[in-house]
Amino acid sequence: MSTRLELLKRYLQEDPGDSFLRYALALEFMSLNDSEQAYSQLEKLLNDEPYYLAAYYMAGKLAESAGKNPEAIYWYSKGIEVARQQKNQHTMNELTEALNQME
């Protein structure tokens, strides 16, 4: 197990509600080529914190790479909606581009 993964898990035991740590844990699983665990972490994060905008793109990409196109479309579309609400044009453009590339 990576040292970074162990460290993130320890930090999350101390503060399980820290959205940034939860996102970082998902990214660490991705870096370790554990897409299933990364996707699971992102899914939990977005269910708990639907306004954590950065996670939508990664959840969509992981779903897409796993051949779960309906789920990818859901994450991209939901992320576009959240980005619009947050008036975050840059992220909205990224998510729209990802969604358009799928179609």
PDB file of N, CA and C in Angstrom:
ATOM      1  N   MET A   1       0.848  -1.179   0.000  1.00  0.00           N
ATOM      2  CA  MET A   1       0.000   0.000   0.000  1.00  0.00           C
ATOM      3  C   MET A   1       0.892   1.240   0.000  1.00  0.00           C
ATOM      4  N   SER A   2       0.487   2.234  -0.752  1.00  0.00           N
ATOM      5  CA  SER A   2       1.297   3.444  -0.850  1.00  0.00           C
ATOM      6  C   SER A   2       1.259   4.223   0.456  1.00  0.00           C
ATOM      7  N   THR A   3       2.342   4.905   0.719  1.00  0.00           N
ATOM      8  CA  THR A   3       2.429   5.730   1.912  1.00  0.00           C
ATOM      9  C   THR A   3       1.397   6.842   1.870  1.00  0.00           C
ATOM     10  N   ARG A   4       1.206   7.417   0.693  1.00  0.00           N
ATOM     11  CA  ARG A   4       0.229   8.496   0.543  1.00  0.00           C
ATOM     12  C   ARG A   4      -1.179   7.981   0.841  1.00  0.00           C
ATOM     13  N   LEU A   5      -1.497   6.784   0.374  1.00  0.00           N
ATOM     14  CA  LEU A   5      -2.804   6.190   0.627  1.00  0.00           C
ATOM     15  C   LEU A   5      -3.010   5.984   2.128  1.00  0.00           C
ATOM     16  N   GLU A   6      -2.015   5.452   2.791  1.00  0.00           N
ATOM     17  CA  GLU A   6      -2.095   5.247   4.240  1.00  0.00           C
ATOM     18  C   GLU A   6      -2.295   6.568   4.972  1.00  0.00           C
ATOM     19  N   LEU A   7      -1.583   7.589   4.541  1.00  0.00           N
ATOM     20  CA  LEU A   7      -1.683   8.910   5.158  1.00  0.00           C
ATOM     21  C   LEU A   7      -3.081   9.496   4.965  1.00  0.00           C
ATOM     22  N   LEU A   8      -3.612   9.413   3.758  1.00  0.00           N
ATOM     23  CA  LEU A   8      -4.953   9.932   3.488  1.00  0.00           C
ATOM     24  C   LEU A   8      -6.000   9.207   4.322  1.00  0.00           C
ATOM     25  N   LYS A   9      -5.887   7.904   4.421  1.00  0.00           N
ATOM     26  CA  LYS A   9      -6.835   7.129   5.228  1.00  0.00           C
ATOM     27  C   LYS A   9      -6.758   7.530   6.698  1.00  0.00           C
ATOM     28  N   ARG A  10      -5.567   7.776   7.176  1.00  0.00           N
ATOM     29  CA  ARG A  10      -5.405   8.195   8.573  1.00  0.00           C
ATOM     30  C   ARG A  10      -6.027   9.566   8.802  1.00  0.00           C
ATOM     31  N   TYR A  11      -5.773  10.491   7.885  1.00  0.00           N
ATOM     32  CA  TYR A  11      -6.376  11.828   7.993  1.00  0.00           C
ATOM     33  C   TYR A  11      -7.893  11.750   7.966  1.00  0.00           C
ATOM     34  N   LEU A  12      -8.427  10.873   7.131  1.00  0.00           N
ATOM     35  CA  LEU A  12      -9.883  10.733   7.038  1.00  0.00           C
ATOM     36  C   LEU A  12     -10.486  10.108   8.287  1.00  0.00           C
ATOM     37  N   GLN A  13      -9.719   9.291   8.983  1.00  0.00           N
ATOM     38  CA  GLN A  13     -10.213   8.768  10.260  1.00  0.00           C
ATOM     39  C   GLN A  13     -10.377   9.910  11.262  1.00  0.00           C
ATOM     40  N   GLU A  14      -9.476  10.877  11.182  1.00  0.00           N
ATOM     41  CA  GLU A  14      -9.535  12.027  12.075  1.00  0.00           C
ATOM     42  C   GLU A  14     -10.649  12.997  11.676  1.00  0.00           C
ATOM     43  N   ASP A  15     -10.901  13.128  10.368  1.00  0.00           N
ATOM     44  CA  ASP A  15     -11.906  14.059   9.864  1.00  0.00           C
ATOM     45  C   ASP A  15     -12.640  13.441   8.676  1.00  0.00           C
ATOM     46  N   PRO A  16     -13.563  12.515   8.950  1.00  0.00           N
ATOM     47  CA  PRO A  16     -14.229  11.785   7.865  1.00  0.00           C
ATOM     48  C   PRO A  16     -15.095  12.650   6.957  1.00  0.00           C
ATOM     49  N   GLY A  17     -15.433  13.842   7.369  1.00  0.00           N
ATOM     50  CA  GLY A  17     -16.265  14.704   6.551  1.00  0.00           C
ATOM     51  C   GLY A  17     -15.504  15.642   5.643  1.00  0.00           C
ATOM     52  N   ASP A  18     -14.187  15.542   5.618  1.00  0.00           N
ATOM     53  CA  ASP A  18     -13.365  16.443   4.810  1.00  0.00           C
ATOM     54  C   ASP A  18     -13.462  16.054   3.333  1.00  0.00           C
ATOM     55  N   SER A  19     -14.202  16.857   2.581  1.00  0.00           N
ATOM     56  CA  SER A  19     -14.444  16.548   1.166  1.00  0.00           C
ATOM     57  C   SER A  19     -13.167  16.533   0.352  1.00  0.00           C
ATOM     58  N   PHE A  20     -12.260  17.456   0.635  1.00  0.00           N
ATOM     59  CA  PHE A  20     -11.005  17.482  -0.118  1.00  0.00           C
ATOM     60  C   PHE A  20     -10.214  16.198   0.105  1.00  0.00           C
ATOM     61  N   LEU A  21     -10.151  15.714   1.342  1.00  0.00           N
ATOM     62  CA  LEU A  21      -9.440  14.467   1.622  1.00  0.00           C
ATOM     63  C   LEU A  21     -10.108  13.284   0.924  1.00  0.00           C
ATOM     64  N   ARG A  22     -11.416  13.289   0.893  1.00  0.00           N
ATOM     65  CA  ARG A  22     -12.144  12.210   0.224  1.00  0.00           C
ATOM     66  C   ARG A  22     -11.848  12.224  -1.273  1.00  0.00           C
ATOM     67  N   TYR A  23     -11.790  13.414  -1.865  1.00  0.00           N
ATOM     68  CA  TYR A  23     -11.459  13.541  -3.287  1.00  0.00           C
ATOM     69  C   TYR A  23     -10.013  13.107  -3.525  1.00  0.00           C
ATOM     70  N   ALA A  24      -9.117  13.529  -2.648  1.00  0.00           N
ATOM     71  CA  ALA A  24      -7.706  13.149  -2.770  1.00  0.00           C
ATOM     72  C   ALA A  24      -7.536  11.636  -2.661  1.00  0.00           C
ATOM     73  N   LEU A  25      -8.319  10.996  -1.807  1.00  0.00           N
ATOM     74  CA  LEU A  25      -8.261   9.541  -1.672  1.00  0.00           C
ATOM     75  C   LEU A  25      -8.676   8.867  -2.981  1.00  0.00           C
ATOM     76  N   ALA A  26      -9.726   9.371  -3.600  1.00  0.00           N
ATOM     77  CA  ALA A  26     -10.163   8.821  -4.889  1.00  0.00           C
ATOM     78  C   ALA A  26      -9.067   8.975  -5.939  1.00  0.00           C
ATOM     79  N   LEU A  27      -8.443  10.145  -5.982  1.00  0.00           N
ATOM     80  CA  LEU A  27      -7.364  10.366  -6.947  1.00  0.00           C
ATOM     81  C   LEU A  27      -6.174   9.452  -6.680  1.00  0.00           C
ATOM     82  N   GLU A  28      -5.919   9.192  -5.402  1.00  0.00           N
ATOM     83  CA  GLU A  28      -4.819   8.278  -5.065  1.00  0.00           C
ATOM     84  C   GLU A  28      -5.134   6.863  -5.546  1.00  0.00           C
ATOM     85  N   PHE A  29      -6.366   6.427  -5.376  1.00  0.00           N
ATOM     86  CA  PHE A  29      -6.751   5.110  -5.907  1.00  0.00           C
ATOM     87  C   PHE A  29      -6.573   5.085  -7.423  1.00  0.00           C
ATOM     88  N   MET A  30      -6.905   6.183  -8.079  1.00  0.00           N
ATOM     89  CA  MET A  30      -6.701   6.252  -9.534  1.00  0.00           C
ATOM     90  C   MET A  30      -5.228   6.097  -9.873  1.00  0.00           C
ATOM     91  N   SER A  31      -4.371   6.768  -9.131  1.00  0.00           N
ATOM     92  CA  SER A  31      -2.937   6.697  -9.417  1.00  0.00           C
ATOM     93  C   SER A  31      -2.385   5.292  -9.183  1.00  0.00           C
ATOM     94  N   LEU A  32      -3.085   4.518  -8.358  1.00  0.00           N
ATOM     95  CA  LEU A  32      -2.691   3.131  -8.089  1.00  0.00           C
ATOM     96  C   LEU A  32      -3.410   2.153  -9.017  1.00  0.00           C
ATOM     97  N   ASN A  33      -4.096   2.695 -10.039  1.00  0.00           N
ATOM     98  CA  ASN A  33      -4.837   1.900 -11.024  1.00  0.00           C
ATOM     99  C   ASN A  33      -5.949   1.057 -10.404  1.00  0.00           C
ATOM    100  N   ASP A  34      -6.539   1.573  -9.342  1.00  0.00           N
ATOM    101  CA  ASP A  34      -7.691   0.916  -8.722  1.00  0.00           C
ATOM    102  C   ASP A  34      -8.927   1.750  -9.042  1.00  0.00           C
ATOM    103  N   SER A  35      -9.370   1.635 -10.292  1.00  0.00           N
ATOM    104  CA  SER A  35     -10.485   2.444 -10.779  1.00  0.00           C
ATOM    105  C   SER A  35     -11.785   2.168 -10.043  1.00  0.00           C
ATOM    106  N   GLU A  36     -12.010   0.916  -9.682  1.00  0.00           N
ATOM    107  CA  GLU A  36     -13.251   0.576  -8.969  1.00  0.00           C
ATOM    108  C   GLU A  36     -13.327   1.301  -7.627  1.00  0.00           C
ATOM    109  N   GLN A  37     -12.242   1.272  -6.883  1.00  0.00           N
ATOM    110  CA  GLN A  37     -12.220   1.934  -5.579  1.00  0.00           C
ATOM    111  C   GLN A  37     -12.294   3.455  -5.746  1.00  0.00           C
ATOM    112  N   ALA A  38     -11.622   3.966  -6.762  1.00  0.00           N
ATOM    113  CA  ALA A  38     -11.662   5.410  -7.027  1.00  0.00           C
ATOM    114  C   ALA A  38     -13.092   5.834  -7.351  1.00  0.00           C
ATOM    115  N   TYR A  39     -13.762   5.075  -8.215  1.00  0.00           N
ATOM    116  CA  TYR A  39     -15.132   5.402  -8.598  1.00  0.00           C
ATOM    117  C   TYR A  39     -16.059   5.326  -7.390  1.00  0.00           C
ATOM    118  N   SER A  40     -15.882   4.307  -6.589  1.00  0.00           N
ATOM    119  CA  SER A  40     -16.704   4.147  -5.388  1.00  0.00           C
ATOM    120  C   SER A  40     -16.541   5.345  -4.451  1.00  0.00           C
ATOM    121  N   GLN A  41     -15.314   5.789  -4.277  1.00  0.00           N
ATOM    122  CA  GLN A  41     -15.060   6.947  -3.408  1.00  0.00           C
ATOM    123  C   GLN A  41     -15.707   8.210  -3.969  1.00  0.00           C
ATOM    124  N   LEU A  42     -15.597   8.413  -5.279  1.00  0.00           N
ATOM    125  CA  LEU A  42     -16.200   9.599  -5.904  1.00  0.00           C
ATOM    126  C   LEU A  42     -17.718   9.552  -5.817  1.00  0.00           C
ATOM    127  N   GLU A  43     -18.275   8.380  -6.028  1.00  0.00           N
ATOM    128  CA  GLU A  43     -19.727   8.224  -5.961  1.00  0.00           C
ATOM    129  C   GLU A  43     -20.236   8.568  -4.553  1.00  0.00           C
ATOM    130  N   LYS A  44     -19.556   8.063  -3.537  1.00  0.00           N
ATOM    131  CA  LYS A  44     -19.935   8.368  -2.154  1.00  0.00           C
ATOM    132  C   LYS A  44     -19.791   9.859  -1.874  1.00  0.00           C
ATOM    133  N   LEU A  45     -18.695  10.438  -2.326  1.00  0.00           N
ATOM    134  CA  LEU A  45     -18.463  11.862  -2.113  1.00  0.00           C
ATOM    135  C   LEU A  45     -19.581  12.689  -2.740  1.00  0.00           C
ATOM    136  N   LEU A  46     -19.930  12.394  -3.979  1.00  0.00           N
ATOM    137  CA  LEU A  46     -20.951  13.178  -4.672  1.00  0.00           C
ATOM    138  C   LEU A  46     -22.348  12.942  -4.100  1.00  0.00           C
ATOM    139  N   ASN A  47     -22.599  11.777  -3.577  1.00  0.00           N
ATOM    140  CA  ASN A  47     -23.883  11.542  -2.910  1.00  0.00           C
ATOM    141  C   ASN A  47     -23.981  12.336  -1.610  1.00  0.00           C
ATOM    142  N   ASP A  48     -22.863  12.468  -0.911  1.00  0.00           N
ATOM    143  CA  ASP A  48     -22.830  13.217   0.352  1.00  0.00           C
ATOM    144  C   ASP A  48     -22.676  14.716   0.138  1.00  0.00           C
ATOM    145  N   GLU A  49     -21.896  15.091  -0.862  1.00  0.00           N
ATOM    146  CA  GLU A  49     -21.554  16.495  -1.120  1.00  0.00           C
ATOM    147  C   GLU A  49     -21.817  16.817  -2.595  1.00  0.00           C
ATOM    148  N   PRO A  50     -23.073  16.974  -2.985  1.00  0.00           N
ATOM    149  CA  PRO A  50     -23.387  17.157  -4.405  1.00  0.00           C
ATOM    150  C   PRO A  50     -22.837  18.450  -5.010  1.00  0.00           C
ATOM    151  N   TYR A  51     -22.317  19.344  -4.213  1.00  0.00           N
ATOM    152  CA  TYR A  51     -21.765  20.589  -4.753  1.00  0.00           C
ATOM    153  C   TYR A  51     -20.250  20.557  -4.866  1.00  0.00           C
ATOM    154  N   TYR A  52     -19.637  19.374  -4.653  1.00  0.00           N
ATOM    155  CA  TYR A  52     -18.179  19.237  -4.801  1.00  0.00           C
ATOM    156  C   TYR A  52     -17.877  19.056  -6.291  1.00  0.00           C
ATOM    157  N   LEU A  53     -17.808  20.157  -6.971  1.00  0.00           N
ATOM    158  CA  LEU A  53     -17.796  20.211  -8.431  1.00  0.00           C
ATOM    159  C   LEU A  53     -16.653  19.431  -9.084  1.00  0.00           C
ATOM    160  N   ALA A  54     -15.480  19.460  -8.515  1.00  0.00           N
ATOM    161  CA  ALA A  54     -14.320  18.816  -9.141  1.00  0.00           C
ATOM    162  C   ALA A  54     -14.522  17.313  -9.350  1.00  0.00           C
ATOM    163  N   ALA A  55     -15.344  16.701  -8.530  1.00  0.00           N
ATOM    164  CA  ALA A  55     -15.494  15.247  -8.583  1.00  0.00           C
ATOM    165  C   ALA A  55     -16.341  14.766  -9.763  1.00  0.00           C
ATOM    166  N   TYR A  56     -17.164  15.633 -10.329  1.00  0.00           N
ATOM    167  CA  TYR A  56     -18.043  15.194 -11.411  1.00  0.00           C
ATOM    168  C   TYR A  56     -17.274  14.764 -12.660  1.00  0.00           C
ATOM    169  N   TYR A  57     -16.282  15.520 -13.034  1.00  0.00           N
ATOM    170  CA  TYR A  57     -15.502  15.180 -14.226  1.00  0.00           C
ATOM    171  C   TYR A  57     -14.811  13.828 -14.041  1.00  0.00           C
ATOM    172  N   MET A  58     -14.192  13.640 -12.884  1.00  0.00           N
ATOM    173  CA  MET A  58     -13.466  12.392 -12.645  1.00  0.00           C
ATOM    174  C   MET A  58     -14.425  11.203 -12.571  1.00  0.00           C
ATOM    175  N   ALA A  59     -15.574  11.387 -11.931  1.00  0.00           N
ATOM    176  CA  ALA A  59     -16.561  10.301 -11.865  1.00  0.00           C
ATOM    177  C   ALA A  59     -17.036   9.946 -13.275  1.00  0.00           C
ATOM    178  N   GLY A  60     -17.272  10.959 -14.089  1.00  0.00           N
ATOM    179  CA  GLY A  60     -17.690  10.718 -15.462  1.00  0.00           C
ATOM    180  C   GLY A  60     -16.636   9.971 -16.258  1.00  0.00           C
ATOM    181  N   LYS A  61     -15.394  10.412 -16.135  1.00  0.00           N
ATOM    182  CA  LYS A  61     -14.305   9.762 -16.873  1.00  0.00           C
ATOM    183  C   LYS A  61     -14.127   8.308 -16.451  1.00  0.00           C
ATOM    184  N   LEU A  62     -14.203   8.048 -15.142  1.00  0.00           N
ATOM    185  CA  LEU A  62     -14.059   6.669 -14.674  1.00  0.00           C
ATOM    186  C   LEU A  62     -15.214   5.801 -15.162  1.00  0.00           C
ATOM    187  N   ALA A  63     -16.423   6.334 -15.107  1.00  0.00           N
ATOM    188  CA  ALA A  63     -17.575   5.574 -15.598  1.00  0.00           C
ATOM    189  C   ALA A  63     -17.428   5.302 -17.094  1.00  0.00           C
ATOM    190  N   GLU A  64     -17.015   6.316 -17.821  1.00  0.00           N
ATOM    191  CA  GLU A  64     -16.831   6.179 -19.269  1.00  0.00           C
ATOM    192  C   GLU A  64     -15.781   5.116 -19.592  1.00  0.00           C
ATOM    193  N   SER A  65     -14.661   5.148 -18.892  1.00  0.00           N
ATOM    194  CA  SER A  65     -13.585   4.186 -19.170  1.00  0.00           C
ATOM    195  C   SER A  65     -13.981   2.760 -18.787  1.00  0.00           C
ATOM    196  N   ALA A  66     -14.962   2.629 -17.886  1.00  0.00           N
ATOM    197  CA  ALA A  66     -15.448   1.301 -17.496  1.00  0.00           C
ATOM    198  C   ALA A  66     -16.596   0.841 -18.389  1.00  0.00           C
ATOM    199  N   GLY A  67     -16.935   1.644 -19.408  1.00  0.00           N
ATOM    200  CA  GLY A  67     -18.009   1.279 -20.311  1.00  0.00           C
ATOM    201  C   GLY A  67     -19.396   1.524 -19.729  1.00  0.00           C
ATOM    202  N   LYS A  68     -19.470   2.303 -18.660  1.00  0.00           N
ATOM    203  CA  LYS A  68     -20.753   2.625 -18.022  1.00  0.00           C
ATOM    204  C   LYS A  68     -21.234   3.968 -18.553  1.00  0.00           C
ATOM    205  N   ASN A  69     -21.553   3.998 -19.836  1.00  0.00           N
ATOM    206  CA  ASN A  69     -21.907   5.264 -20.487  1.00  0.00           C
ATOM    207  C   ASN A  69     -23.107   5.976 -19.881  1.00  0.00           C
ATOM    208  N   PRO A  70     -24.185   5.268 -19.506  1.00  0.00           N
ATOM    209  CA  PRO A  70     -25.301   5.995 -18.883  1.00  0.00           C
ATOM    210  C   PRO A  70     -24.879   6.708 -17.586  1.00  0.00           C
ATOM    211  N   GLU A  71     -24.010   6.058 -16.804  1.00  0.00           N
ATOM    212  CA  GLU A  71     -23.531   6.686 -15.574  1.00  0.00           C
ATOM    213  C   GLU A  71     -22.629   7.877 -15.898  1.00  0.00           C
ATOM    214  N   ALA A  72     -21.784   7.738 -16.904  1.00  0.00           N
ATOM    215  CA  ALA A  72     -20.913   8.845 -17.303  1.00  0.00           C
ATOM    216  C   ALA A  72     -21.746  10.047 -17.735  1.00  0.00           C
ATOM    217  N   ILE A  73     -22.772   9.787 -18.537  1.00  0.00           N
ATOM    218  CA  ILE A  73     -23.650  10.866 -18.990  1.00  0.00           C
ATOM    219  C   ILE A  73     -24.327  11.530 -17.792  1.00  0.00           C
ATOM    220  N   TYR A  74     -24.745  10.722 -16.835  1.00  0.00           N
ATOM    221  CA  TYR A  74     -25.376  11.271 -15.624  1.00  0.00           C
ATOM    222  C   TYR A  74     -24.413  12.210 -14.896  1.00  0.00           C
ATOM    223  N   TRP A  75     -23.181  11.749 -14.652  1.00  0.00           N
ATOM    224  CA  TRP A  75     -22.214  12.567 -13.902  1.00  0.00           C
ATOM    225  C   TRP A  75     -21.860  13.842 -14.655  1.00  0.00           C
ATOM    226  N   TYR A  76     -21.624  13.746 -15.946  1.00  0.00           N
ATOM    227  CA  TYR A  76     -21.313  14.955 -16.719  1.00  0.00           C
ATOM    228  C   TYR A  76     -22.487  15.936 -16.684  1.00  0.00           C
ATOM    229  N   SER A  77     -23.695  15.410 -16.901  1.00  0.00           N
ATOM    230  CA  SER A  77     -24.884  16.277 -16.935  1.00  0.00           C
ATOM    231  C   SER A  77     -25.149  16.922 -15.581  1.00  0.00           C
ATOM    232  N   LYS A  78     -25.039  16.136 -14.527  1.00  0.00           N
ATOM    233  CA  LYS A  78     -25.246  16.663 -13.175  1.00  0.00           C
ATOM    234  C   LYS A  78     -24.173  17.704 -12.859  1.00  0.00           C
ATOM    235  N   GLY A  79     -22.940  17.436 -13.255  1.00  0.00           N
ATOM    236  CA  GLY A  79     -21.851  18.384 -13.038  1.00  0.00           C
ATOM    237  C   GLY A  79     -22.077  19.691 -13.777  1.00  0.00           C
ATOM    238  N   ILE A  80     -22.607  19.608 -14.990  1.00  0.00           N
ATOM    239  CA  ILE A  80     -22.915  20.820 -15.766  1.00  0.00           C
ATOM    240  C   ILE A  80     -23.945  21.653 -15.017  1.00  0.00           C
ATOM    241  N   GLU A  81     -24.955  20.986 -14.475  1.00  0.00           N
ATOM    242  CA  GLU A  81     -25.991  21.673 -13.706  1.00  0.00           C
ATOM    243  C   GLU A  81     -25.395  22.372 -12.469  1.00  0.00           C
ATOM    244  N   VAL A  82     -24.536  21.668 -11.745  1.00  0.00           N
ATOM    245  CA  VAL A  82     -23.906  22.245 -10.555  1.00  0.00           C
ATOM    246  C   VAL A  82     -22.984  23.394 -10.942  1.00  0.00           C
ATOM    247  N   ALA A  83     -22.220  23.223 -12.013  1.00  0.00           N
ATOM    248  CA  ALA A  83     -21.321  24.288 -12.480  1.00  0.00           C
ATOM    249  C   ALA A  83     -22.119  25.534 -12.865  1.00  0.00           C
ATOM    250  N   ARG A  84     -23.254  25.322 -13.503  1.00  0.00           N
ATOM    251  CA  ARG A  84     -24.119  26.450 -13.883  1.00  0.00           C
ATOM    252  C   ARG A  84     -24.601  27.175 -12.625  1.00  0.00           C
ATOM    253  N   GLN A  85     -25.023  26.418 -11.628  1.00  0.00           N
ATOM    254  CA  GLN A  85     -25.492  27.011 -10.372  1.00  0.00           C
ATOM    255  C   GLN A  85     -24.372  27.799  -9.684  1.00  0.00           C
ATOM    256  N   GLN A  86     -23.142  27.280  -9.778  1.00  0.00           N
ATOM    257  CA  GLN A  86     -21.999  27.935  -9.141  1.00  0.00           C
ATOM    258  C   GLN A  86     -21.376  29.010 -10.031  1.00  0.00           C
ATOM    259  N   LYS A  87     -21.933  29.169 -11.226  1.00  0.00           N
ATOM    260  CA  LYS A  87     -21.413  30.135 -12.206  1.00  0.00           C
ATOM    261  C   LYS A  87     -19.929  29.889 -12.510  1.00  0.00           C
ATOM    262  N   ASN A  88     -19.597  28.601 -12.648  1.00  0.00           N
ATOM    263  CA  ASN A  88     -18.227  28.190 -12.940  1.00  0.00           C
ATOM    264  C   ASN A  88     -18.164  27.789 -14.421  1.00  0.00           C
ATOM    265  N   GLN A  89     -17.914  28.771 -15.263  1.00  0.00           N
ATOM    266  CA  GLN A  89     -17.933  28.565 -16.715  1.00  0.00           C
ATOM    267  C   GLN A  89     -16.853  27.588 -17.175  1.00  0.00           C
ATOM    268  N   HIS A  90     -15.667  27.676 -16.585  1.00  0.00           N
ATOM    269  CA  HIS A  90     -14.559  26.804 -16.998  1.00  0.00           C
ATOM    270  C   HIS A  90     -14.922  25.326 -16.812  1.00  0.00           C
ATOM    271  N   THR A  91     -15.400  24.975 -15.630  1.00  0.00           N
ATOM    272  CA  THR A  91     -15.752  23.578 -15.367  1.00  0.00           C
ATOM    273  C   THR A  91     -16.960  23.159 -16.192  1.00  0.00           C
ATOM    274  N   MET A  92     -17.902  24.064 -16.369  1.00  0.00           N
ATOM    275  CA  MET A  92     -19.062  23.755 -17.200  1.00  0.00           C
ATOM    276  C   MET A  92     -18.620  23.430 -18.625  1.00  0.00           C
ATOM    277  N   ASN A  93     -17.656  24.192 -19.150  1.00  0.00           N
ATOM    278  CA  ASN A  93     -17.129  23.923 -20.489  1.00  0.00           C
ATOM    279  C   ASN A  93     -16.437  22.566 -20.559  1.00  0.00           C
ATOM    280  N   GLU A  94     -15.641  22.232 -19.551  1.00  0.00           N
ATOM    281  CA  GLU A  94     -14.948  20.932 -19.532  1.00  0.00           C
ATOM    282  C   GLU A  94     -15.942  19.776 -19.525  1.00  0.00           C
ATOM    283  N   LEU A  95     -16.952  19.891 -18.689  1.00  0.00           N
ATOM    284  CA  LEU A  95     -17.953  18.832 -18.590  1.00  0.00           C
ATOM    285  C   LEU A  95     -18.780  18.730 -19.868  1.00  0.00           C
ATOM    286  N   THR A  96     -19.108  19.865 -20.464  1.00  0.00           N
ATOM    287  CA  THR A  96     -19.859  19.872 -21.721  1.00  0.00           C
ATOM    288  C   THR A  96     -19.032  19.229 -22.830  1.00  0.00           C
ATOM    289  N   GLU A  97     -17.765  19.544 -22.878  1.00  0.00           N
ATOM    290  CA  GLU A  97     -16.881  18.946 -23.884  1.00  0.00           C
ATOM    291  C   GLU A  97     -16.801  17.430 -23.701  1.00  0.00           C
ATOM    292  N   ALA A  98     -16.650  16.977 -22.463  1.00  0.00           N
ATOM    293  CA  ALA A  98     -16.597  15.529 -22.191  1.00  0.00           C
ATOM    294  C   ALA A  98     -17.887  14.846 -22.624  1.00  0.00           C
ATOM    295  N   LEU A  99     -19.001  15.485 -22.306  1.00  0.00           N
ATOM    296  CA  LEU A  99     -20.312  14.929 -22.679  1.00  0.00           C
ATOM    297  C   LEU A  99     -20.464  14.881 -24.196  1.00  0.00           C
ATOM    298  N   ASN A 100     -20.077  15.960 -24.873  1.00  0.00           N
ATOM    299  CA  ASN A 100     -20.176  16.011 -26.335  1.00  0.00           C
ATOM    300  C   ASN A 100     -19.290  14.968 -27.012  1.00  0.00           C
ATOM    301  N   GLN A 101     -18.137  14.691 -26.447  1.00  0.00           N
ATOM    302  CA  GLN A 101     -17.242  13.692 -27.030  1.00  0.00           C
ATOM    303  C   GLN A 101     -17.819  12.287 -26.932  1.00  0.00           C
ATOM    304  N   MET A 102     -18.680  12.076 -25.968  1.00  0.00           N
ATOM    305  CA  MET A 102     -19.315  10.756 -25.820  1.00  0.00           C
ATOM    306  C   MET A 102     -20.368  10.537 -26.914  1.00  0.00           C
ATOM    307  N   GLU A 103     -21.004  11.618 -27.345  1.00  0.00           N
ATOM    308  CA  GLU A 103     -22.131  11.487 -28.278  1.00  0.00           C
ATOM    309  C   GLU A 103     -21.700  11.383 -29.698  1.00  0.00           C
TER     310      GLU A 103
END
